[in-house]
Amino acid sequence: MIYGYIDRSAGLTLEILAAGVAKKDSVTISKGTDAHCSFLRISAVMEQEFFALPDEDSSLFAEHERKI
């Protein structure tokens, strides 16, 4: 799971909040960690497939908001 922001010197940047596994009908997301930060520049993954996760009850946001 990632979120994106504009880094004034490096451009569009994605921070990895947690790892996940996508299967045909489900997605499992790990808890993530506060001990490490990982970032990707959009240019490194521009050709990759991304998809949005529904968060109607804001539970994903609540679990990871401390890092955002």
PDB file of N, CA and C in Angstrom:
ATOM      1  N   MET A   1       0.855  -1.142   0.000  1.00  0.00           N
ATOM      2  CA  MET A   1       0.000   0.000   0.000  1.00  0.00           C
ATOM      3  C   MET A   1       0.910   1.217   0.000  1.00  0.00           C
ATOM      4  N   ILE A   2       0.578   2.186  -0.832  1.00  0.00           N
ATOM      5  CA  ILE A   2       1.415   3.383  -0.980  1.00  0.00           C
ATOM      6  C   ILE A   2       0.572   4.641  -0.909  1.00  0.00           C
ATOM      7  N   TYR A   3       1.246   5.743  -0.695  1.00  0.00           N
ATOM      8  CA  TYR A   3       0.601   7.024  -0.940  1.00  0.00           C
ATOM      9  C   TYR A   3       1.594   7.910  -1.662  1.00  0.00           C
ATOM     10  N   GLY A   4       1.087   8.832  -2.447  1.00  0.00           N
ATOM     11  CA  GLY A   4       1.943   9.670  -3.256  1.00  0.00           C
ATOM     12  C   GLY A   4       1.938  11.107  -2.792  1.00  0.00           C
ATOM     13  N   TYR A   5       3.056  11.782  -3.052  1.00  0.00           N
ATOM     14  CA  TYR A   5       3.167  13.203  -2.738  1.00  0.00           C
ATOM     15  C   TYR A   5       4.217  13.813  -3.657  1.00  0.00           C
ATOM     16  N   ILE A   6       4.244  15.125  -3.726  1.00  0.00           N
ATOM     17  CA  ILE A   6       5.219  15.835  -4.544  1.00  0.00           C
ATOM     18  C   ILE A   6       6.419  16.208  -3.677  1.00  0.00           C
ATOM     19  N   ASP A   7       7.580  15.682  -4.043  1.00  0.00           N
ATOM     20  CA  ASP A   7       8.850  16.076  -3.428  1.00  0.00           C
ATOM     21  C   ASP A   7       9.396  17.201  -4.310  1.00  0.00           C
ATOM     22  N   ARG A   8       9.585  18.366  -3.755  1.00  0.00           N
ATOM     23  CA  ARG A   8       9.977  19.540  -4.560  1.00  0.00           C
ATOM     24  C   ARG A   8      11.265  19.339  -5.339  1.00  0.00           C
ATOM     25  N   SER A   9      12.172  18.517  -4.843  1.00  0.00           N
ATOM     26  CA  SER A   9      13.428  18.317  -5.566  1.00  0.00           C
ATOM     27  C   SER A   9      13.432  17.056  -6.431  1.00  0.00           C
ATOM     28  N   ALA A  10      12.635  16.043  -6.079  1.00  0.00           N
ATOM     29  CA  ALA A  10      12.684  14.763  -6.797  1.00  0.00           C
ATOM     30  C   ALA A  10      11.433  14.474  -7.618  1.00  0.00           C
ATOM     31  N   GLY A  11      10.374  15.244  -7.443  1.00  0.00           N
ATOM     32  CA  GLY A  11       9.150  15.000  -8.198  1.00  0.00           C
ATOM     33  C   GLY A  11       8.187  14.068  -7.480  1.00  0.00           C
ATOM     34  N   LEU A  12       7.275  13.488  -8.243  1.00  0.00           N
ATOM     35  CA  LEU A  12       6.244  12.623  -7.667  1.00  0.00           C
ATOM     36  C   LEU A  12       6.896  11.414  -7.004  1.00  0.00           C
ATOM     37  N   THR A  13       6.591  11.230  -5.724  1.00  0.00           N
ATOM     38  CA  THR A  13       7.210  10.188  -4.909  1.00  0.00           C
ATOM     39  C   THR A  13       6.120   9.355  -4.248  1.00  0.00           C
ATOM     40  N   LEU A  14       6.374   8.075  -4.127  1.00  0.00           N
ATOM     41  CA  LEU A  14       5.443   7.154  -3.482  1.00  0.00           C
ATOM     42  C   LEU A  14       6.108   6.602  -2.229  1.00  0.00           C
ATOM     43  N   GLU A  15       5.415   6.661  -1.101  1.00  0.00           N
ATOM     44  CA  GLU A  15       5.930   6.036   0.118  1.00  0.00           C
ATOM     45  C   GLU A  15       5.186   4.730   0.322  1.00  0.00           C
ATOM     46  N   ILE A  16       5.948   3.684   0.593  1.00  0.00           N
ATOM     47  CA  ILE A  16       5.356   2.371   0.845  1.00  0.00           C
ATOM     48  C   ILE A  16       4.937   2.320   2.303  1.00  0.00           C
ATOM     49  N   LEU A  17       3.642   2.138   2.539  1.00  0.00           N
ATOM     50  CA  LEU A  17       3.115   2.062   3.904  1.00  0.00           C
ATOM     51  C   LEU A  17       3.076   0.627   4.416  1.00  0.00           C
ATOM     52  N   ALA A  18       2.761  -0.317   3.530  1.00  0.00           N
ATOM     53  CA  ALA A  18       2.649  -1.720   3.928  1.00  0.00           C
ATOM     54  C   ALA A  18       2.679  -2.590   2.680  1.00  0.00           C
ATOM     55  N   ALA A  19       3.134  -3.807   2.841  1.00  0.00           N
ATOM     56  CA  ALA A  19       3.137  -4.778   1.747  1.00  0.00           C
ATOM     57  C   ALA A  19       1.767  -5.444   1.671  1.00  0.00           C
ATOM     58  N   GLY A  20       1.419  -5.904   0.498  1.00  0.00           N
ATOM     59  CA  GLY A  20       0.148  -6.580   0.324  1.00  0.00           C
ATOM     60  C   GLY A  20       0.258  -7.692  -0.695  1.00  0.00           C
ATOM     61  N   VAL A  21      -0.710  -8.588  -0.646  1.00  0.00           N
ATOM     62  CA  VAL A  21      -0.805  -9.680  -1.600  1.00  0.00           C
ATOM     63  C   VAL A  21      -2.190  -9.630  -2.211  1.00  0.00           C
ATOM     64  N   ALA A  22      -2.231  -9.520  -3.543  1.00  0.00           N
ATOM     65  CA  ALA A  22      -3.509  -9.488  -4.257  1.00  0.00           C
ATOM     66  C   ALA A  22      -3.776 -10.858  -4.859  1.00  0.00           C
ATOM     67  N   LYS A  23      -4.951 -11.381  -4.576  1.00  0.00           N
ATOM     68  CA  LYS A  23      -5.414 -12.613  -5.203  1.00  0.00           C
ATOM     69  C   LYS A  23      -6.636 -12.261  -6.033  1.00  0.00           C
ATOM     70  N   LYS A  24      -7.190 -13.210  -6.696  1.00  0.00           N
ATOM     71  CA  LYS A  24      -8.299 -12.946  -7.612  1.00  0.00           C
ATOM     72  C   LYS A  24      -9.439 -12.155  -6.968  1.00  0.00           C
ATOM     73  N   ASP A  25      -9.868 -12.546  -5.776  1.00  0.00           N
ATOM     74  CA  ASP A  25     -11.028 -11.910  -5.144  1.00  0.00           C
ATOM     75  C   ASP A  25     -10.725 -11.211  -3.827  1.00  0.00           C
ATOM     76  N   SER A  26      -9.433 -11.064  -3.472  1.00  0.00           N
ATOM     77  CA  SER A  26      -9.135 -10.442  -2.181  1.00  0.00           C
ATOM     78  C   SER A  26      -7.749  -9.812  -2.171  1.00  0.00           C
ATOM     79  N   VAL A  27      -7.547  -8.938  -1.209  1.00  0.00           N
ATOM     80  CA  VAL A  27      -6.246  -8.323  -0.973  1.00  0.00           C
ATOM     81  C   VAL A  27      -5.961  -8.433   0.513  1.00  0.00           C
ATOM     82  N   THR A  28      -4.765  -8.908   0.857  1.00  0.00           N
ATOM     83  CA  THR A  28      -4.336  -8.985   2.242  1.00  0.00           C
ATOM     84  C   THR A  28      -3.190  -8.001   2.425  1.00  0.00           C
ATOM     85  N   ILE A  29      -3.310  -7.102   3.412  1.00  0.00           N
ATOM     86  CA  ILE A  29      -2.309  -6.074   3.647  1.00  0.00           C
ATOM     87  C   ILE A  29      -1.675  -6.300   5.008  1.00  0.00           C
ATOM     88  N   SER A  30      -0.341  -6.223   5.056  1.00  0.00           N
ATOM     89  CA  SER A  30       0.350  -6.381   6.335  1.00  0.00           C
ATOM     90  C   SER A  30       0.162  -5.128   7.185  1.00  0.00           C
ATOM     91  N   LYS A  31       0.570  -5.200   8.433  1.00  0.00           N
ATOM     92  CA  LYS A  31       0.444  -4.057   9.334  1.00  0.00           C
ATOM     93  C   LYS A  31       1.411  -2.930   8.987  1.00  0.00           C
ATOM     94  N   GLY A  32       2.528  -3.223   8.348  1.00  0.00           N
ATOM     95  CA  GLY A  32       3.536  -2.199   8.086  1.00  0.00           C
ATOM     96  C   GLY A  32       4.391  -1.988   9.323  1.00  0.00           C
ATOM     97  N   THR A  33       5.298  -1.040   9.222  1.00  0.00           N
ATOM     98  CA  THR A  33       6.210  -0.792  10.339  1.00  0.00           C
ATOM     99  C   THR A  33       6.552   0.690  10.426  1.00  0.00           C
ATOM    100  N   ASP A  34       6.821   1.149  11.619  1.00  0.00           N
ATOM    101  CA  ASP A  34       7.306   2.520  11.806  1.00  0.00           C
ATOM    102  C   ASP A  34       8.832   2.558  11.845  1.00  0.00           C
ATOM    103  N   ALA A  35       9.460   1.385  11.857  1.00  0.00           N
ATOM    104  CA  ALA A  35      10.910   1.309  12.003  1.00  0.00           C
ATOM    105  C   ALA A  35      11.663   1.645  10.712  1.00  0.00           C
ATOM    106  N   HIS A  36      11.004   1.493   9.553  1.00  0.00           N
ATOM    107  CA  HIS A  36      11.662   1.722   8.267  1.00  0.00           C
ATOM    108  C   HIS A  36      10.753   2.526   7.362  1.00  0.00           C
ATOM    109  N   CYS A  37      11.350   3.304   6.494  1.00  0.00           N
ATOM    110  CA  CYS A  37      10.614   4.035   5.459  1.00  0.00           C
ATOM    111  C   CYS A  37      11.179   3.630   4.107  1.00  0.00           C
ATOM    112  N   SER A  38      10.296   3.375   3.157  1.00  0.00           N
ATOM    113  CA  SER A  38      10.721   3.040   1.799  1.00  0.00           C
ATOM    114  C   SER A  38       9.987   3.940   0.826  1.00  0.00           C
ATOM    115  N   PHE A  39      10.713   4.443  -0.163  1.00  0.00           N
ATOM    116  CA  PHE A  39      10.154   5.363  -1.132  1.00  0.00           C
ATOM    117  C   PHE A  39      10.465   4.898  -2.543  1.00  0.00           C
ATOM    118  N   LEU A  40       9.588   5.213  -3.466  1.00  0.00           N
ATOM    119  CA  LEU A  40       9.793   4.966  -4.884  1.00  0.00           C
ATOM    120  C   LEU A  40       9.537   6.257  -5.638  1.00  0.00           C
ATOM    121  N   ARG A  41      10.328   6.522  -6.647  1.00  0.00           N
ATOM    122  CA  ARG A  41      10.032   7.628  -7.541  1.00  0.00           C
ATOM    123  C   ARG A  41       9.087   7.087  -8.618  1.00  0.00           C
ATOM    124  N   ILE A  42       8.132   7.871  -8.995  1.00  0.00           N
ATOM    125  CA  ILE A  42       7.118   7.413  -9.939  1.00  0.00           C
ATOM    126  C   ILE A  42       7.757   6.919 -11.236  1.00  0.00           C
ATOM    127  N   SER A  43       8.867   7.510 -11.640  1.00  0.00           N
ATOM    128  CA  SER A  43       9.523   7.097 -12.887  1.00  0.00           C
ATOM    129  C   SER A  43       9.973   5.631 -12.846  1.00  0.00           C
ATOM    130  N   ALA A  44      10.243   5.102 -11.664  1.00  0.00           N
ATOM    131  CA  ALA A  44      10.705   3.715 -11.530  1.00  0.00           C
ATOM    132  C   ALA A  44       9.575   2.700 -11.694  1.00  0.00           C
ATOM    133  N   VAL A  45       8.336   3.125 -11.501  1.00  0.00           N
ATOM    134  CA  VAL A  45       7.212   2.185 -11.548  1.00  0.00           C
ATOM    135  C   VAL A  45       6.076   2.661 -12.455  1.00  0.00           C
ATOM    136  N   MET A  46       6.367   3.634 -13.298  1.00  0.00           N
ATOM    137  CA  MET A  46       5.338   4.247 -14.129  1.00  0.00           C
ATOM    138  C   MET A  46       4.597   3.256 -15.027  1.00  0.00           C
ATOM    139  N   GLU A  47       5.254   2.221 -15.462  1.00  0.00           N
ATOM    140  CA  GLU A  47       4.639   1.255 -16.374  1.00  0.00           C
ATOM    141  C   GLU A  47       3.947   0.102 -15.631  1.00  0.00           C
ATOM    142  N   GLN A  48       3.998   0.098 -14.302  1.00  0.00           N
ATOM    143  CA  GLN A  48       3.395  -0.977 -13.522  1.00  0.00           C
ATOM    144  C   GLN A  48       1.899  -0.746 -13.326  1.00  0.00           C
ATOM    145  N   GLU A  49       1.187  -1.807 -13.055  1.00  0.00           N
ATOM    146  CA  GLU A  49      -0.254  -1.728 -12.815  1.00  0.00           C
ATOM    147  C   GLU A  49      -0.510  -1.392 -11.340  1.00  0.00           C
ATOM    148  N   PHE A  50      -1.364  -0.427 -11.110  1.00  0.00           N
ATOM    149  CA  PHE A  50      -1.784  -0.033  -9.767  1.00  0.00           C
ATOM    150  C   PHE A  50      -3.290  -0.159  -9.684  1.00  0.00           C
ATOM    151  N   PHE A  51      -3.816  -0.329  -8.495  1.00  0.00           N
ATOM    152  CA  PHE A  51      -5.266  -0.296  -8.325  1.00  0.00           C
ATOM    153  C   PHE A  51      -5.603   0.313  -6.980  1.00  0.00           C
ATOM    154  N   ALA A  52      -6.753   0.918  -6.926  1.00  0.00           N
ATOM    155  CA  ALA A  52      -7.204   1.579  -5.697  1.00  0.00           C
ATOM    156  C   ALA A  52      -7.920   0.573  -4.799  1.00  0.00           C
ATOM    157  N   LEU A  53      -7.692   0.700  -3.503  1.00  0.00           N
ATOM    158  CA  LEU A  53      -8.380  -0.145  -2.529  1.00  0.00           C
ATOM    159  C   LEU A  53      -9.550   0.632  -1.937  1.00  0.00           C
ATOM    160  N   PRO A  54     -10.729   0.054  -1.916  1.00  0.00           N
ATOM    161  CA  PRO A  54     -11.852   0.745  -1.280  1.00  0.00           C
ATOM    162  C   PRO A  54     -11.626   0.853   0.226  1.00  0.00           C
ATOM    163  N   ASP A  55     -12.015   1.974   0.793  1.00  0.00           N
ATOM    164  CA  ASP A  55     -11.839   2.199   2.241  1.00  0.00           C
ATOM    165  C   ASP A  55     -13.048   2.960   2.772  1.00  0.00           C
ATOM    166  N   GLU A  56     -14.233   2.420   2.533  1.00  0.00           N
ATOM    167  CA  GLU A  56     -15.473   3.103   2.893  1.00  0.00           C
ATOM    168  C   GLU A  56     -15.571   3.444   4.378  1.00  0.00           C
ATOM    169  N   ASP A  57     -15.037   2.583   5.226  1.00  0.00           N
ATOM    170  CA  ASP A  57     -15.138   2.831   6.668  1.00  0.00           C
ATOM    171  C   ASP A  57     -13.879   3.515   7.238  1.00  0.00           C
ATOM    172  N   SER A  58     -12.964   3.899   6.382  1.00  0.00           N
ATOM    173  CA  SER A  58     -11.707   4.583   6.754  1.00  0.00           C
ATOM    174  C   SER A  58     -10.784   3.745   7.635  1.00  0.00           C
ATOM    175  N   SER A  59     -10.958   2.445   7.666  1.00  0.00           N
ATOM    176  CA  SER A  59     -10.112   1.595   8.518  1.00  0.00           C
ATOM    177  C   SER A  59      -8.673   1.514   8.006  1.00  0.00           C
ATOM    178  N   LEU A  60      -8.487   1.485   6.681  1.00  0.00           N
ATOM    179  CA  LEU A  60      -7.119   1.485   6.154  1.00  0.00           C
ATOM    180  C   LEU A  60      -6.413   2.788   6.495  1.00  0.00           C
ATOM    181  N   PHE A  61      -7.113   3.896   6.327  1.00  0.00           N
ATOM    182  CA  PHE A  61      -6.547   5.195   6.678  1.00  0.00           C
ATOM    183  C   PHE A  61      -6.186   5.232   8.159  1.00  0.00           C
ATOM    184  N   ALA A  62      -7.101   4.802   9.011  1.00  0.00           N
ATOM    185  CA  ALA A  62      -6.874   4.845  10.463  1.00  0.00           C
ATOM    186  C   ALA A  62      -5.660   4.022  10.864  1.00  0.00           C
ATOM    187  N   GLU A  63      -5.471   2.879  10.205  1.00  0.00           N
ATOM    188  CA  GLU A  63      -4.349   2.002  10.562  1.00  0.00           C
ATOM    189  C   GLU A  63      -2.995   2.595  10.147  1.00  0.00           C
ATOM    190  N   HIS A  64      -2.970   3.424   9.101  1.00  0.00           N
ATOM    191  CA  HIS A  64      -1.694   3.921   8.576  1.00  0.00           C
ATOM    192  C   HIS A  64      -1.540   5.437   8.650  1.00  0.00           C
ATOM    193  N   GLU A  65      -2.466   6.138   9.253  1.00  0.00           N
ATOM    194  CA  GLU A  65      -2.426   7.617   9.247  1.00  0.00           C
ATOM    195  C   GLU A  65      -1.198   8.186   9.958  1.00  0.00           C
ATOM    196  N   ARG A  66      -0.613   7.481  10.898  1.00  0.00           N
ATOM    197  CA  ARG A  66       0.562   7.996  11.607  1.00  0.00           C
ATOM    198  C   ARG A  66       1.736   8.201  10.661  1.00  0.00           C
ATOM    199  N   LYS A  67       1.754   7.480   9.527  1.00  0.00           N
ATOM    200  CA  LYS A  67       2.852   7.610   8.572  1.00  0.00           C
ATOM    201  C   LYS A  67       2.551   8.616   7.463  1.00  0.00           C
ATOM    202  N   ILE A  68       1.319   9.039   7.372  1.00  0.00           N
ATOM    203  CA  ILE A  68       0.942   9.954   6.281  1.00  0.00           C
ATOM    204  C   ILE A  68       1.135  11.385   6.720  1.00  0.00           C
TER     205      ILE A  68
END
